[in-house]
Amino acid sequence: MTTPRPLTPREQNLLDRYSQCQLGMTPQAFYTKWQVSQEEIATICSRSVSTVRRWFHKGRSYRRPTIVDLRHLALMDFLLDHFEQIPENLREALCPTEQEE
């Protein structure tokens, strides 16, 4: 077993900054900005379609998305907006493509 690598001051600063980041986007804002289905939003957030549908309901059946859901949508929005500016090696490191065997 290897010993974990200590954080440099720069890395600690990044960790602190990320921990305080209020990054979030509502499902309604994402749905308005991008031509996606509620099924696709469910996939982005790793939620069931019925859960996502409740995010769009009014009244008693309304369900509030979690902070994690809002962050998933904000990150996906960022990736969609800046995809072409992200170097290929960073895209691959973030979301590796499946290797054929």
C-alpha atoms as a PDB file:
ATOM      1  CA  MET A   1       0.000   0.000   0.000  1.00  0.00           C
ATOM      2  CA  THR A   2       1.309   3.430  -0.915  1.00  0.00           C
ATOM      3  CA  THR A   3       1.256   6.478   1.308  1.00  0.00           C
ATOM      4  CA  PRO A   4      -1.071   9.241   0.108  1.00  0.00           C
ATOM      5  CA  ARG A   5       0.683  12.241  -1.346  1.00  0.00           C
ATOM      6  CA  PRO A   6       0.494  15.390   0.812  1.00  0.00           C
ATOM      7  CA  LEU A   7      -1.209  18.427  -0.694  1.00  0.00           C
ATOM      8  CA  THR A   8       0.926  21.339  -1.787  1.00  0.00           C
ATOM      9  CA  PRO A   9      -0.172  24.818  -0.675  1.00  0.00           C
ATOM     10  CA  ARG A  10      -1.502  25.412  -4.199  1.00  0.00           C
ATOM     11  CA  GLU A  11      -3.519  22.184  -4.099  1.00  0.00           C
ATOM     12  CA  GLN A  12      -4.831  23.013  -0.616  1.00  0.00           C
ATOM     13  CA  ASN A  13      -5.918  26.409  -1.913  1.00  0.00           C
ATOM     14  CA  LEU A  14      -7.766  24.727  -4.799  1.00  0.00           C
ATOM     15  CA  LEU A  15      -9.423  22.277  -2.393  1.00  0.00           C
ATOM     16  CA  ASP A  16     -10.532  25.147  -0.140  1.00  0.00           C
ATOM     17  CA  ARG A  17     -11.840  27.141  -3.088  1.00  0.00           C
ATOM     18  CA  TYR A  18     -13.776  24.182  -4.513  1.00  0.00           C
ATOM     19  CA  SER A  19     -15.241  23.405  -1.082  1.00  0.00           C
ATOM     20  CA  GLN A  20     -16.649  26.943  -0.858  1.00  0.00           C
ATOM     21  CA  CYS A  21     -17.900  27.054  -4.456  1.00  0.00           C
ATOM     22  CA  GLN A  22     -21.657  27.544  -4.750  1.00  0.00           C
ATOM     23  CA  LEU A  23     -21.805  26.149  -8.283  1.00  0.00           C
ATOM     24  CA  GLY A  24     -25.350  25.177  -9.153  1.00  0.00           C
ATOM     25  CA  MET A  25     -27.983  25.346 -11.891  1.00  0.00           C
ATOM     26  CA  THR A  26     -31.655  24.566 -11.495  1.00  0.00           C
ATOM     27  CA  PRO A  27     -33.244  21.879 -13.660  1.00  0.00           C
ATOM     28  CA  GLN A  28     -35.618  24.524 -15.050  1.00  0.00           C
ATOM     29  CA  ALA A  29     -32.724  26.778 -16.093  1.00  0.00           C
ATOM     30  CA  PHE A  30     -30.869  23.849 -17.677  1.00  0.00           C
ATOM     31  CA  TYR A  31     -34.026  22.692 -19.478  1.00  0.00           C
ATOM     32  CA  THR A  32     -34.626  26.233 -20.775  1.00  0.00           C
ATOM     33  CA  LYS A  33     -31.044  26.669 -21.991  1.00  0.00           C
ATOM     34  CA  TRP A  34     -30.476  23.269 -23.607  1.00  0.00           C
ATOM     35  CA  GLN A  35     -32.785  21.203 -25.796  1.00  0.00           C
ATOM     36  CA  VAL A  36     -32.787  18.118 -23.577  1.00  0.00           C
ATOM     37  CA  SER A  37     -35.425  15.762 -22.261  1.00  0.00           C
ATOM     38  CA  GLN A  38     -36.213  15.111 -18.640  1.00  0.00           C
ATOM     39  CA  GLU A  39     -34.804  11.622 -19.268  1.00  0.00           C
ATOM     40  CA  GLU A  40     -31.456  13.159 -20.210  1.00  0.00           C
ATOM     41  CA  ILE A  41     -31.503  15.361 -17.111  1.00  0.00           C
ATOM     42  CA  ALA A  42     -32.167  12.208 -15.076  1.00  0.00           C
ATOM     43  CA  THR A  43     -29.106  10.584 -16.661  1.00  0.00           C
ATOM     44  CA  ILE A  44     -26.904  13.622 -15.943  1.00  0.00           C
ATOM     45  CA  CYS A  45     -27.956  13.640 -12.284  1.00  0.00           C
ATOM     46  CA  SER A  46     -28.113   9.834 -11.831  1.00  0.00           C
ATOM     47  CA  ARG A  47     -31.760  10.098 -10.798  1.00  0.00           C
ATOM     48  CA  SER A  48     -34.918   8.349 -11.877  1.00  0.00           C
ATOM     49  CA  VAL A  49     -37.104  10.004 -14.477  1.00  0.00           C
ATOM     50  CA  SER A  50     -39.952  10.163 -11.962  1.00  0.00           C
ATOM     51  CA  THR A  51     -37.735  12.126  -9.554  1.00  0.00           C
ATOM     52  CA  VAL A  52     -36.828  14.609 -12.281  1.00  0.00           C
ATOM     53  CA  ARG A  53     -40.482  14.983 -13.267  1.00  0.00           C
ATOM     54  CA  ARG A  54     -41.258  15.981  -9.679  1.00  0.00           C
ATOM     55  CA  TRP A  55     -38.675  18.775  -9.949  1.00  0.00           C
ATOM     56  CA  PHE A  56     -40.914  20.334 -12.611  1.00  0.00           C
ATOM     57  CA  HIS A  57     -44.246  19.824 -10.795  1.00  0.00           C
ATOM     58  CA  LYS A  58     -46.127  22.396  -8.792  1.00  0.00           C
ATOM     59  CA  GLY A  59     -47.838  21.818  -5.457  1.00  0.00           C
ATOM     60  CA  ARG A  60     -47.735  18.692  -3.316  1.00  0.00           C
ATOM     61  CA  SER A  61     -45.933  16.486  -5.835  1.00  0.00           C
ATOM     62  CA  TYR A  62     -43.042  18.967  -6.207  1.00  0.00           C
ATOM     63  CA  ARG A  63     -39.674  17.663  -5.057  1.00  0.00           C
ATOM     64  CA  ARG A  64     -36.677  19.928  -4.585  1.00  0.00           C
ATOM     65  CA  PRO A  65     -33.431  18.861  -6.308  1.00  0.00           C
ATOM     66  CA  THR A  66     -30.459  18.375  -4.002  1.00  0.00           C
ATOM     67  CA  ILE A  67     -27.339  20.530  -3.993  1.00  0.00           C
ATOM     68  CA  VAL A  68     -25.577  17.612  -5.704  1.00  0.00           C
ATOM     69  CA  ASP A  69     -28.175  17.628  -8.498  1.00  0.00           C
ATOM     70  CA  LEU A  70     -27.699  21.379  -8.994  1.00  0.00           C
ATOM     71  CA  ARG A  71     -23.935  20.914  -9.164  1.00  0.00           C
ATOM     72  CA  HIS A  72     -24.220  18.100 -11.728  1.00  0.00           C
ATOM     73  CA  LEU A  73     -26.332  20.333 -13.964  1.00  0.00           C
ATOM     74  CA  ALA A  74     -23.984  23.309 -13.549  1.00  0.00           C
ATOM     75  CA  LEU A  75     -20.964  21.161 -14.410  1.00  0.00           C
ATOM     76  CA  MET A  76     -22.719  19.734 -17.460  1.00  0.00           C
ATOM     77  CA  ASP A  77     -23.684  23.269 -18.508  1.00  0.00           C
ATOM     78  CA  PHE A  78     -20.045  24.336 -18.146  1.00  0.00           C
ATOM     79  CA  LEU A  79     -18.842  21.368 -20.208  1.00  0.00           C
ATOM     80  CA  LEU A  80     -21.410  22.037 -22.943  1.00  0.00           C
ATOM     81  CA  ASP A  81     -20.485  25.736 -23.070  1.00  0.00           C
ATOM     82  CA  HIS A  82     -16.708  25.175 -23.067  1.00  0.00           C
ATOM     83  CA  PHE A  83     -16.262  21.757 -24.679  1.00  0.00           C
ATOM     84  CA  GLU A  84     -14.243  23.045 -27.648  1.00  0.00           C
ATOM     85  CA  GLN A  85     -11.883  24.982 -25.378  1.00  0.00           C
ATOM     86  CA  ILE A  86     -11.017  21.968 -23.230  1.00  0.00           C
ATOM     87  CA  PRO A  87      -7.921  20.184 -24.574  1.00  0.00           C
ATOM     88  CA  GLU A  88      -8.520  16.586 -25.677  1.00  0.00           C
ATOM     89  CA  ASN A  89      -6.166  15.140 -23.036  1.00  0.00           C
ATOM     90  CA  LEU A  90      -8.135  16.894 -20.265  1.00  0.00           C
ATOM     91  CA  ARG A  91     -11.478  15.708 -21.682  1.00  0.00           C
ATOM     92  CA  GLU A  92     -10.087  12.178 -21.781  1.00  0.00           C
ATOM     93  CA  ALA A  93      -8.790  12.440 -18.212  1.00  0.00           C
ATOM     94  CA  LEU A  94     -12.157  13.722 -16.997  1.00  0.00           C
ATOM     95  CA  CYS A  95     -14.348  11.264 -18.906  1.00  0.00           C
ATOM     96  CA  PRO A  96     -12.301   8.454 -20.470  1.00  0.00           C
ATOM     97  CA  THR A  97     -13.728   6.883 -23.588  1.00  0.00           C
ATOM     98  CA  GLU A  98     -14.298   3.168 -23.441  1.00  0.00           C
ATOM     99  CA  GLN A  99     -11.406   1.127 -24.753  1.00  0.00           C
ATOM    100  CA  GLU A 100     -12.291  -1.698 -27.098  1.00  0.00           C
ATOM    101  CA  GLU A 101     -10.731  -4.989 -26.134  1.00  0.00           C
END
